[in-house]
Amino acid sequence: MITVSQKIGRLAEIRMTAPITVEELSSMQRDIGAILNRVSGRLVVCTDLQAATILSTELADRMAKFFRADNARMERNALVVGESPTFFLQVERVIREGNAPPAASGRTESPSSRDPASNKSTRGSDPWMSRRASERRVFRSTTEAMTWLDEVLTPEERARLRHVLEGPHP
């Protein structure tokens, strides 16, 4: 099961509970799209995956595609996975793939075409770099996730975040 909501400011809340279906992931994408259309500025997301489990390859691939599509409008996304080391590694991989330019673009870039000091392409304007400005991090602890998100949230959004992560779970 996946629930998506946005109650205060730019803070979006996603909670995933096993089992997760392709249909639910598609619905989540539509819900996030609707939130992006009504919120001004970049979205800050808290994704609670503590009740989720290892994703099928298909679901992991779809999630990575979703991350690529919405990079430009997301400021931060804290994904809280809990204690499973295997699930933690899978979600980290999904994030890495979601931050990469789509393979379908046909673009390849050699390491020598990048300026490591600025982390920007030396071939002129790179539209994928601006789309990868979103930060996503995986956390085992809700406290660490809250600390990281607090840096960009208003006091009202911080209070809501605590309610979501520390309050009762449906």
C-alpha atoms as a PDB file:
ATOM      1  CA  MET A   1       0.000   0.000   0.000  1.00  0.00           C
ATOM      2  CA  ILE A   2       1.211   3.521  -0.806  1.00  0.00           C
ATOM      3  CA  THR A   3      -0.203   6.731   0.637  1.00  0.00           C
ATOM      4  CA  VAL A   4       0.753  10.203  -0.556  1.00  0.00           C
ATOM      5  CA  SER A   5      -0.229  13.481   1.051  1.00  0.00           C
ATOM      6  CA  GLN A   6       0.808  17.090   1.428  1.00  0.00           C
ATOM      7  CA  LYS A   7      -0.704  18.890   4.411  1.00  0.00           C
ATOM      8  CA  ILE A   8       1.722  21.733   5.184  1.00  0.00           C
ATOM      9  CA  GLY A   9       3.786  23.912   2.828  1.00  0.00           C
ATOM     10  CA  ARG A  10       6.249  22.150   0.541  1.00  0.00           C
ATOM     11  CA  LEU A  11       6.425  18.937   2.593  1.00  0.00           C
ATOM     12  CA  ALA A  12       5.075  15.850   0.829  1.00  0.00           C
ATOM     13  CA  GLU A  13       4.618  12.610   2.739  1.00  0.00           C
ATOM     14  CA  ILE A  14       4.847   9.162   1.206  1.00  0.00           C
ATOM     15  CA  ARG A  15       4.338   5.956   3.164  1.00  0.00           C
ATOM     16  CA  MET A  16       4.876   2.556   1.559  1.00  0.00           C
ATOM     17  CA  THR A  17       3.776  -0.690   3.173  1.00  0.00           C
ATOM     18  CA  ALA A  18       4.416  -4.131   1.691  1.00  0.00           C
ATOM     19  CA  PRO A  19       3.206  -5.455  -0.618  1.00  0.00           C
ATOM     20  CA  ILE A  20       3.519  -2.705  -3.219  1.00  0.00           C
ATOM     21  CA  THR A  21       1.994  -3.115  -6.669  1.00  0.00           C
ATOM     22  CA  VAL A  22       2.804  -1.530 -10.019  1.00  0.00           C
ATOM     23  CA  GLU A  23      -0.650   0.082  -9.984  1.00  0.00           C
ATOM     24  CA  GLU A  24       0.035   1.681  -6.603  1.00  0.00           C
ATOM     25  CA  LEU A  25       3.379   3.010  -7.812  1.00  0.00           C
ATOM     26  CA  SER A  26       1.646   4.524 -10.861  1.00  0.00           C
ATOM     27  CA  SER A  27      -0.970   6.084  -8.598  1.00  0.00           C
ATOM     28  CA  MET A  28       1.811   7.496  -6.379  1.00  0.00           C
ATOM     29  CA  GLN A  29       3.393   9.106  -9.439  1.00  0.00           C
ATOM     30  CA  ARG A  30       0.086  10.771 -10.356  1.00  0.00           C
ATOM     31  CA  ASP A  31      -0.437  11.958  -6.766  1.00  0.00           C
ATOM     32  CA  ILE A  32       3.056  13.469  -6.585  1.00  0.00           C
ATOM     33  CA  GLY A  33       2.466  15.125  -9.974  1.00  0.00           C
ATOM     34  CA  ALA A  34      -0.718  16.719  -8.625  1.00  0.00           C
ATOM     35  CA  ILE A  35       1.157  17.996  -5.557  1.00  0.00           C
ATOM     36  CA  LEU A  36       3.936  19.403  -7.755  1.00  0.00           C
ATOM     37  CA  ASN A  37       1.297  21.265  -9.795  1.00  0.00           C
ATOM     38  CA  ARG A  38      -0.206  22.987  -6.764  1.00  0.00           C
ATOM     39  CA  VAL A  39       2.909  23.692  -4.646  1.00  0.00           C
ATOM     40  CA  SER A  40       5.085  26.633  -5.567  1.00  0.00           C
ATOM     41  CA  GLY A  41       8.803  26.081  -5.393  1.00  0.00           C
ATOM     42  CA  ARG A  42      10.593  22.799  -4.989  1.00  0.00           C
ATOM     43  CA  LEU A  43       9.078  19.946  -3.035  1.00  0.00           C
ATOM     44  CA  VAL A  44      10.625  18.391   0.068  1.00  0.00           C
ATOM     45  CA  VAL A  45       9.621  14.749   0.476  1.00  0.00           C
ATOM     46  CA  CYS A  46       9.714  12.337   3.374  1.00  0.00           C
ATOM     47  CA  THR A  47       9.310   8.751   2.187  1.00  0.00           C
ATOM     48  CA  ASP A  48       8.640   6.262   4.973  1.00  0.00           C
ATOM     49  CA  LEU A  49       9.634   2.802   3.757  1.00  0.00           C
ATOM     50  CA  GLN A  50       9.970   1.214   7.199  1.00  0.00           C
ATOM     51  CA  ALA A  51       7.038  -1.129   6.553  1.00  0.00           C
ATOM     52  CA  ALA A  52       8.133  -1.931   2.991  1.00  0.00           C
ATOM     53  CA  THR A  53      10.334  -4.796   1.862  1.00  0.00           C
ATOM     54  CA  ILE A  54      12.680  -5.580  -1.004  1.00  0.00           C
ATOM     55  CA  LEU A  55      11.162  -4.326  -4.260  1.00  0.00           C
ATOM     56  CA  SER A  56      10.837  -6.482  -7.340  1.00  0.00           C
ATOM     57  CA  THR A  57      13.187  -5.555 -10.173  1.00  0.00           C
ATOM     58  CA  GLU A  58      10.245  -4.084 -12.086  1.00  0.00           C
ATOM     59  CA  LEU A  59       9.183  -1.869  -9.175  1.00  0.00           C
ATOM     60  CA  ALA A  60      12.761  -0.742  -8.475  1.00  0.00           C
ATOM     61  CA  ASP A  61      13.234   0.170 -12.160  1.00  0.00           C
ATOM     62  CA  ARG A  62       9.937   2.089 -12.233  1.00  0.00           C
ATOM     63  CA  MET A  63      10.879   3.977  -9.092  1.00  0.00           C
ATOM     64  CA  ALA A  64      14.252   4.976 -10.594  1.00  0.00           C
ATOM     65  CA  LYS A  65      12.457   6.234 -13.730  1.00  0.00           C
ATOM     66  CA  PHE A  66      10.069   8.226 -11.562  1.00  0.00           C
ATOM     67  CA  PHE A  67      13.006   9.827  -9.736  1.00  0.00           C
ATOM     68  CA  ARG A  68      14.571  10.849 -13.068  1.00  0.00           C
ATOM     69  CA  ALA A  69      11.331  12.429 -14.272  1.00  0.00           C
ATOM     70  CA  ASP A  70      10.785  14.634 -11.209  1.00  0.00           C
ATOM     71  CA  ASN A  71      14.327  15.666 -10.330  1.00  0.00           C
ATOM     72  CA  ALA A  72      13.943  19.325 -11.277  1.00  0.00           C
ATOM     73  CA  ARG A  73      11.017  19.967  -8.905  1.00  0.00           C
ATOM     74  CA  MET A  74      12.319  18.070  -5.863  1.00  0.00           C
ATOM     75  CA  GLU A  75      14.641  19.751  -3.409  1.00  0.00           C
ATOM     76  CA  ARG A  76      15.145  16.839  -1.033  1.00  0.00           C
ATOM     77  CA  ASN A  77      13.733  13.390  -0.463  1.00  0.00           C
ATOM     78  CA  ALA A  78      14.609  11.486   2.722  1.00  0.00           C
ATOM     79  CA  LEU A  79      13.844   7.794   2.347  1.00  0.00           C
ATOM     80  CA  VAL A  80      13.618   6.051   5.731  1.00  0.00           C
ATOM     81  CA  VAL A  81      14.068   2.298   5.313  1.00  0.00           C
ATOM     82  CA  GLY A  82      14.614   1.035   8.830  1.00  0.00           C
ATOM     83  CA  GLU A  83      17.093  -1.659   9.782  1.00  0.00           C
ATOM     84  CA  SER A  84      17.244  -3.985   6.747  1.00  0.00           C
ATOM     85  CA  PRO A  85      20.754  -3.712   5.241  1.00  0.00           C
ATOM     86  CA  THR A  86      19.642  -5.392   2.007  1.00  0.00           C
ATOM     87  CA  PHE A  87      16.695  -3.034   1.509  1.00  0.00           C
ATOM     88  CA  PHE A  88      18.949  -0.071   2.381  1.00  0.00           C
ATOM     89  CA  LEU A  89      21.370  -1.089  -0.396  1.00  0.00           C
ATOM     90  CA  GLN A  90      18.535  -1.608  -2.887  1.00  0.00           C
ATOM     91  CA  VAL A  91      17.087   1.847  -2.200  1.00  0.00           C
ATOM     92  CA  GLU A  92      20.547   3.418  -2.529  1.00  0.00           C
ATOM     93  CA  ARG A  93      20.879   1.733  -5.947  1.00  0.00           C
ATOM     94  CA  VAL A  94      17.454   3.002  -7.008  1.00  0.00           C
ATOM     95  CA  ILE A  95      18.513   6.528  -6.035  1.00  0.00           C
ATOM     96  CA  ARG A  96      21.775   6.269  -8.001  1.00  0.00           C
ATOM     97  CA  GLU A  97      19.884   5.073 -11.064  1.00  0.00           C
ATOM     98  CA  GLY A  98      17.253   7.777 -10.563  1.00  0.00           C
ATOM     99  CA  ASN A  99      19.927  10.463 -10.544  1.00  0.00           C
ATOM    100  CA  ALA A 100      21.500   9.229 -13.788  1.00  0.00           C
ATOM    101  CA  PRO A 101      20.460  10.571 -17.187  1.00  0.00           C
ATOM    102  CA  PRO A 102      18.097   8.185 -18.973  1.00  0.00           C
ATOM    103  CA  ALA A 103      19.867   5.620 -21.147  1.00  0.00           C
ATOM    104  CA  ALA A 104      17.221   6.169 -23.812  1.00  0.00           C
ATOM    105  CA  SER A 105      18.646   9.610 -24.488  1.00  0.00           C
ATOM    106  CA  GLY A 106      21.454   7.989 -26.468  1.00  0.00           C
ATOM    107  CA  ARG A 107      23.919  10.340 -24.765  1.00  0.00           C
ATOM    108  CA  THR A 108      27.182   9.021 -23.574  1.00  0.00           C
ATOM    109  CA  GLU A 109      29.715  11.083 -21.771  1.00  0.00           C
ATOM    110  CA  SER A 110      33.292  10.161 -21.192  1.00  0.00           C
ATOM    111  CA  PRO A 111      34.844  10.888 -17.809  1.00  0.00           C
ATOM    112  CA  SER A 112      37.258  13.309 -19.488  1.00  0.00           C
ATOM    113  CA  SER A 113      34.363  15.525 -20.617  1.00  0.00           C
ATOM    114  CA  ARG A 114      33.483  16.371 -17.023  1.00  0.00           C
ATOM    115  CA  ASP A 115      35.046  19.032 -14.882  1.00  0.00           C
ATOM    116  CA  PRO A 116      35.397  17.291 -11.490  1.00  0.00           C
ATOM    117  CA  ALA A 117      35.921  20.543  -9.624  1.00  0.00           C
ATOM    118  CA  SER A 118      32.536  21.913 -10.575  1.00  0.00           C
ATOM    119  CA  ASN A 119      30.800  18.586 -11.292  1.00  0.00           C
ATOM    120  CA  LYS A 120      29.524  20.152 -14.527  1.00  0.00           C
ATOM    121  CA  SER A 121      29.878  19.080 -18.096  1.00  0.00           C
ATOM    122  CA  THR A 122      32.630  20.832 -20.007  1.00  0.00           C
ATOM    123  CA  ARG A 123      30.641  20.439 -23.229  1.00  0.00           C
ATOM    124  CA  GLY A 124      28.456  23.445 -22.656  1.00  0.00           C
ATOM    125  CA  SER A 125      24.978  23.421 -21.197  1.00  0.00           C
ATOM    126  CA  ASP A 126      23.921  20.029 -19.866  1.00  0.00           C
ATOM    127  CA  PRO A 127      20.148  19.916 -19.288  1.00  0.00           C
ATOM    128  CA  TRP A 128      20.427  16.696 -17.259  1.00  0.00           C
ATOM    129  CA  MET A 129      22.684  18.341 -14.696  1.00  0.00           C
ATOM    130  CA  SER A 130      19.975  20.836 -13.735  1.00  0.00           C
ATOM    131  CA  ARG A 131      17.477  17.985 -13.482  1.00  0.00           C
ATOM    132  CA  ARG A 132      19.798  16.159 -11.073  1.00  0.00           C
ATOM    133  CA  ALA A 133      19.870  18.971  -8.546  1.00  0.00           C
ATOM    134  CA  SER A 134      17.507  17.046  -6.292  1.00  0.00           C
ATOM    135  CA  GLU A 135      19.050  15.456  -3.249  1.00  0.00           C
ATOM    136  CA  ARG A 136      17.891  12.062  -2.084  1.00  0.00           C
ATOM    137  CA  ARG A 137      19.293  10.162   0.840  1.00  0.00           C
ATOM    138  CA  VAL A 138      18.495   6.862   2.476  1.00  0.00           C
ATOM    139  CA  PHE A 139      18.273   6.684   6.264  1.00  0.00           C
ATOM    140  CA  ARG A 140      17.906   3.854   8.738  1.00  0.00           C
ATOM    141  CA  SER A 141      16.846   6.252  11.491  1.00  0.00           C
ATOM    142  CA  THR A 142      13.944   8.711  11.521  1.00  0.00           C
ATOM    143  CA  THR A 143      16.025  11.068  13.692  1.00  0.00           C
ATOM    144  CA  GLU A 144      18.759  11.326  11.044  1.00  0.00           C
ATOM    145  CA  ALA A 145      16.177  11.897   8.299  1.00  0.00           C
ATOM    146  CA  MET A 146      14.452  14.636  10.305  1.00  0.00           C
ATOM    147  CA  THR A 147      17.768  16.378  11.044  1.00  0.00           C
ATOM    148  CA  TRP A 148      18.654  16.427   7.346  1.00  0.00           C
ATOM    149  CA  LEU A 149      15.223  17.634   6.187  1.00  0.00           C
ATOM    150  CA  ASP A 150      15.002  20.239   8.978  1.00  0.00           C
ATOM    151  CA  GLU A 151      17.732  22.228   7.195  1.00  0.00           C
ATOM    152  CA  VAL A 152      15.275  23.218   4.443  1.00  0.00           C
ATOM    153  CA  LEU A 153      11.895  23.170   6.230  1.00  0.00           C
ATOM    154  CA  THR A 154       9.886  25.916   7.907  1.00  0.00           C
ATOM    155  CA  PRO A 155       8.941  25.495  11.591  1.00  0.00           C
ATOM    156  CA  GLU A 156       5.424  24.385  10.579  1.00  0.00           C
ATOM    157  CA  GLU A 157       6.803  21.836   8.133  1.00  0.00           C
ATOM    158  CA  ARG A 158       9.206  20.531  10.818  1.00  0.00           C
ATOM    159  CA  ALA A 159       6.326  20.012  13.240  1.00  0.00           C
ATOM    160  CA  ARG A 160       4.388  18.113  10.571  1.00  0.00           C
ATOM    161  CA  LEU A 161       7.433  15.973   9.747  1.00  0.00           C
ATOM    162  CA  ARG A 162       7.709  14.933  13.397  1.00  0.00           C
ATOM    163  CA  HIS A 163       4.036  14.055  13.476  1.00  0.00           C
ATOM    164  CA  VAL A 164       4.441  11.900  10.362  1.00  0.00           C
ATOM    165  CA  LEU A 165       7.552  10.023  11.502  1.00  0.00           C
ATOM    166  CA  GLU A 166       7.019   9.865  15.257  1.00  0.00           C
ATOM    167  CA  GLY A 167       3.226   9.803  15.433  1.00  0.00           C
ATOM    168  CA  PRO A 168       0.830   6.919  15.054  1.00  0.00           C
ATOM    169  CA  HIS A 169       1.111   4.902  11.867  1.00  0.00           C
ATOM    170  CA  PRO A 170      -2.036   3.767  10.050  1.00  0.00           C
END
